[in-house]
Protein backbone atom coordinates (compact mmCIF):
# COMPACT_ATOMS: atom_id res chain seq x y z
CA UNK A 1 -16.05 40.00 -44.26
CA UNK A 2 -12.16 39.56 -42.95
CA UNK A 3 -12.95 38.86 -39.58
CA UNK A 4 -16.46 36.67 -40.56
CA UNK A 5 -13.88 34.41 -42.14
CA UNK A 6 -11.84 33.78 -39.69
CA UNK A 7 -8.90 36.41 -39.77
CA UNK A 8 -7.44 37.25 -36.25
CA UNK A 9 -6.90 41.08 -37.60
CA UNK A 10 -7.27 43.30 -40.55
CA UNK A 11 -5.97 46.62 -41.47
CA UNK A 12 -8.66 49.51 -43.43
CA UNK A 13 -6.93 51.87 -46.15
CA UNK A 14 -7.83 54.71 -44.20
CA UNK A 15 -6.53 54.17 -41.17
CA UNK A 16 -3.28 56.62 -40.08
CA UNK A 17 0.08 55.70 -40.85
CA UNK A 18 0.43 55.61 -36.70
CA UNK A 19 -2.43 53.75 -36.08
CA UNK A 20 -1.56 51.08 -38.91
CA UNK A 21 1.98 50.56 -37.33
CA UNK A 22 0.62 50.02 -33.94
CA UNK A 23 -1.90 47.43 -35.38
CA UNK A 24 0.96 45.62 -37.35
CA UNK A 25 2.74 45.63 -34.19
CA UNK A 26 0.37 44.55 -32.04
CA UNK A 27 -0.56 42.13 -34.29
CA UNK A 28 3.52 40.62 -34.66
CA UNK A 29 3.18 40.35 -30.83
CA UNK A 30 0.17 38.29 -30.79
CA UNK A 31 2.08 36.03 -33.59
CA UNK A 32 5.46 35.86 -31.41
CA UNK A 33 3.14 35.01 -28.38
CA UNK A 34 1.43 32.16 -30.14
CA UNK A 35 4.68 30.49 -31.38
CA UNK A 36 6.02 30.80 -28.03
CA UNK A 37 3.08 28.63 -26.17
CA UNK A 38 3.43 26.50 -29.85
CA UNK A 39 7.24 25.65 -28.54
CA UNK A 40 6.96 25.70 -25.09
CA UNK A 41 3.76 22.39 -25.98
CA UNK A 42 6.27 20.94 -28.14
CA UNK A 43 8.56 21.04 -25.26
CA UNK A 44 6.27 19.64 -22.83
CA UNK A 45 5.05 17.28 -25.32
CA UNK A 46 8.82 15.97 -25.48
CA UNK A 47 9.13 15.81 -21.84
CA UNK A 48 6.18 13.80 -21.71
CA UNK A 49 7.25 11.88 -24.44
CA UNK A 50 10.93 11.25 -22.77
CA UNK A 51 9.56 10.52 -19.48
CA UNK A 52 9.75 6.28 -18.60
CA UNK A 53 6.91 6.43 -16.41
CA UNK A 54 3.18 6.60 -17.69
CA UNK A 55 2.09 9.84 -16.96
CA UNK A 56 -1.81 11.30 -17.54
CA UNK A 57 -3.24 14.37 -16.61
CA UNK A 58 -7.03 15.56 -15.67
CA UNK A 59 -9.19 18.41 -14.90
CA UNK A 60 -10.86 18.16 -11.75
CA UNK A 61 -13.91 16.40 -13.21
CA UNK A 62 -11.18 13.27 -13.77
CA UNK A 63 -11.63 13.91 -17.22
CA UNK A 64 -8.45 12.82 -19.23
CA UNK A 65 -6.47 16.48 -21.11
CA UNK A 66 -3.22 14.52 -22.09
CA UNK A 67 -1.34 11.22 -21.79
CA UNK A 68 1.84 10.28 -22.68
CA UNK A 69 3.20 7.56 -24.67
CA UNK A 70 4.87 5.14 -21.35
CA UNK A 71 1.33 5.74 -19.99
CA UNK A 72 -0.52 4.30 -23.49
CA UNK A 73 1.91 1.16 -23.81
CA UNK A 74 1.03 0.66 -19.81
CA UNK A 75 -2.40 0.65 -20.92
CA UNK A 76 -2.14 -1.76 -24.02
CA UNK A 77 -3.58 1.90 -26.08
CA UNK A 78 -1.53 3.12 -29.04
CA UNK A 79 -3.17 6.64 -29.56
CA UNK A 80 -3.59 9.54 -27.05
CA UNK A 81 -6.82 10.45 -28.56
CA UNK A 82 -8.59 6.30 -27.67
CA UNK A 83 -8.30 7.97 -24.39
CA UNK A 84 -8.34 12.13 -24.43
CA UNK A 85 -11.76 13.46 -23.22
CA UNK A 86 -12.59 10.03 -21.44
CA UNK A 87 -13.17 9.86 -17.79
CA UNK A 88 -10.32 8.29 -16.11
CA UNK A 89 -12.20 6.23 -13.78
CA UNK A 90 -14.38 5.12 -16.50
CA UNK A 91 -11.22 4.45 -19.05
CA UNK A 92 -9.16 2.78 -16.52
CA UNK A 93 -9.58 2.72 -12.72
CA UNK A 94 -13.05 1.52 -12.71
CA UNK A 95 -12.42 -2.00 -10.52
CA UNK A 96 -9.92 -2.90 -7.39
CA UNK A 97 -8.01 -5.69 -7.44
CA UNK A 98 -10.04 -8.07 -6.17
CA UNK A 99 -12.55 -7.50 -9.35
CA UNK A 100 -15.52 -5.70 -7.89
CA UNK A 101 -16.27 -3.02 -9.14
CA UNK A 102 -16.10 0.68 -7.29
CA UNK A 103 -18.48 3.25 -7.36
CA UNK A 104 -17.34 6.42 -8.82
CA UNK A 105 -17.73 8.77 -5.79
CA UNK A 106 -16.09 6.33 -4.00
CA UNK A 107 -12.82 6.35 -6.27
CA UNK A 108 -9.71 7.28 -4.09
CA UNK A 109 -7.96 8.42 -7.59
CA UNK A 110 -11.41 10.56 -8.20
CA UNK A 111 -11.29 12.42 -4.91
CA UNK A 112 -7.72 13.25 -5.20
CA UNK A 113 -8.67 15.30 -8.83
CA UNK A 114 -11.87 17.21 -7.23
CA UNK A 115 -9.95 17.79 -3.74
CA UNK A 116 -6.56 18.74 -5.14
CA UNK A 117 -4.58 16.01 -3.01
CA UNK A 118 -1.16 15.03 -3.03
CA UNK A 119 -0.19 11.60 -2.78
CA UNK A 120 3.15 9.43 -3.16
CA UNK A 121 3.58 5.82 -3.58
CA UNK A 122 -0.32 4.86 -3.44
CA UNK A 123 -0.74 1.18 -5.15
CA UNK A 124 -3.66 0.44 -6.65
CA UNK A 125 -4.53 -1.45 -10.22
CA UNK A 126 -5.42 -0.13 -13.34
CA UNK A 127 -7.19 -1.70 -16.49
CA UNK A 128 -5.98 -2.75 -19.88
CA UNK A 129 -7.80 -1.82 -23.06
CA UNK A 130 -7.54 -5.88 -22.62
CA UNK A 131 -9.35 -5.63 -19.37
CA UNK A 132 -6.26 -7.52 -18.07
CA UNK A 133 -5.27 -5.61 -14.62
CA UNK A 134 -1.88 -4.18 -13.61
CA UNK A 135 -0.53 -3.16 -10.43
CA UNK A 136 0.73 0.46 -10.38
CA UNK A 137 2.10 2.36 -7.86
CA UNK A 138 1.28 6.42 -8.18
CA UNK A 139 2.09 10.07 -7.64
CA UNK A 140 -0.38 12.39 -7.62
CA UNK A 141 0.11 16.18 -7.76
CA UNK A 142 -2.46 18.99 -8.12
CA UNK A 143 -2.20 21.32 -10.97
CA UNK A 144 -2.73 24.88 -9.96
CA UNK A 145 -2.81 27.84 -12.59
CA UNK A 146 -3.39 31.65 -11.31
CA UNK A 147 -3.68 30.29 -7.71
CA UNK A 148 -6.61 28.08 -8.69
CA UNK A 149 -7.01 24.49 -8.69
CA UNK A 150 -7.07 23.16 -12.23
CA UNK A 151 -6.30 19.46 -12.42
CA UNK A 152 -3.94 17.03 -11.55
CA UNK A 153 -1.09 15.00 -13.14
CA UNK A 154 -1.17 11.64 -12.17
CA UNK A 155 2.41 9.74 -12.68
CA UNK A 156 2.43 5.89 -12.42
CA UNK A 157 4.43 2.96 -12.94
CA UNK A 158 3.67 -1.00 -13.36
CA UNK A 159 5.10 -2.24 -10.53
CA UNK A 160 3.99 -6.08 -11.68
CA UNK A 161 7.57 -7.24 -11.69
CA UNK A 162 7.87 -5.76 -7.70
CA UNK A 163 4.68 -7.73 -6.63
CA UNK A 164 5.87 -11.17 -8.23
CA UNK A 165 9.36 -10.55 -6.58
CA UNK A 166 7.61 -10.19 -3.16
CA UNK A 167 5.25 -12.77 -3.71
CA UNK A 168 8.74 -15.11 -4.17
CA UNK A 169 10.38 -13.62 -1.16
CA UNK A 170 7.50 -14.55 1.15
CA UNK A 171 6.97 -17.95 -0.13
CA UNK A 172 10.78 -18.69 0.31
CA UNK A 173 10.93 -16.96 3.94
CA UNK A 174 7.43 -19.29 4.46
CA UNK A 175 9.24 -22.28 3.14
CA UNK A 176 12.02 -21.38 5.50
CA UNK A 177 10.13 -21.15 8.52
CA UNK A 178 8.46 -24.32 7.26
CA UNK A 179 11.55 -26.07 7.09
CA UNK A 180 12.53 -24.93 10.11
CA UNK A 181 9.80 -26.01 11.91
CA UNK A 182 10.29 -29.44 10.10
CA UNK A 183 13.78 -29.55 11.50
CA UNK A 184 12.52 -28.74 15.01
CA UNK A 185 10.14 -31.48 15.33
CA UNK A 186 12.56 -34.10 13.59
CA UNK A 187 14.99 -33.08 16.67
CA UNK A 188 12.64 -33.85 19.48
CA UNK A 189 11.44 -36.78 17.81
CA UNK A 190 14.95 -38.18 17.67
CA UNK A 191 15.97 -36.24 21.35
CA UNK A 192 12.61 -38.47 22.46
CA UNK A 193 13.59 -41.71 20.59
CA UNK A 194 17.64 -41.39 22.65
CA UNK A 195 15.79 -40.61 25.72
CA UNK A 196 13.59 -43.87 25.56
CA UNK A 197 16.34 -45.64 25.03
CA UNK A 198 18.43 -43.97 27.84
CA UNK A 199 15.35 -45.42 30.03
CA UNK A 200 15.56 -48.54 28.75
CA UNK A 201 18.68 -49.21 29.36
CA UNK A 202 18.59 -47.91 33.05
CA UNK A 203 15.78 -49.76 33.50
CA UNK A 204 17.66 -53.33 31.80
CA UNK A 205 20.89 -52.25 34.30
CA UNK A 206 18.40 -51.79 37.45
CA UNK A 207 17.01 -55.13 36.55
CA UNK A 208 20.27 -57.36 36.39
CA UNK A 209 21.73 -55.22 39.55
CA UNK A 210 18.54 -56.92 41.16
CA UNK A 211 19.17 -60.40 40.08
CA UNK A 212 22.79 -60.21 41.14
CA UNK A 213 21.88 -58.68 44.36
CA UNK A 214 19.21 -61.86 44.92
CA UNK A 215 21.47 -64.47 44.99
CA UNK A 216 24.70 -62.16 46.93
CA UNK A 217 24.62 -62.91 50.50
CA UNK A 218 24.37 -59.46 52.79
CA UNK A 219 28.33 -59.67 53.22
CA UNK A 220 28.92 -59.55 49.39
CA UNK A 221 26.23 -56.71 48.67
CA UNK A 222 27.90 -54.63 51.59
CA UNK A 223 31.06 -55.31 49.76
CA UNK A 224 29.87 -54.55 46.18
CA UNK A 225 28.25 -51.14 47.76
């Protein structure tokens, strides 16, 4: 009845003293092991909570097993239970940057989950609870237990500010190139105008010389040369 009620162990009065002590010692070890596991779980949870990057873990099928507060904040969720148990693909990486839906089988992240790929600095888009696209940079690490692939851990960061800065720098570079092109065109126009003036002055001088020579005698023209 005790075991049926959910007890992990029970002691019978008819047991010998040695057997009783052995069972008590075994039960104590089980309790200590469980406490150690609980302590380790709390320690890992504390580490995940203190990490500045978003972190989530999935099994090989892409089902979310855990997710830290930073990831929830980026994705616009308040509780981990809102996402745990869902497919990460369905929850936030189902759509491409241009808004076109991705095929589940063609999802690069799904392939990483299933095959245990390790990937660094891979950029993609996640989609928040409010359907807002968020550019992110991911680092994907396979998770092995007892030498078997057990899923993946993904650390990611919002790179919206970096993308905006890169866009600003590109615009400035293009604007400088446009300015340089305008300056070059203006310089060319000024050079052509000065060349035209010099040509006109040369033609005027040549015409004036011809007129002067027209009224001179051959001897006078020879003296001018």
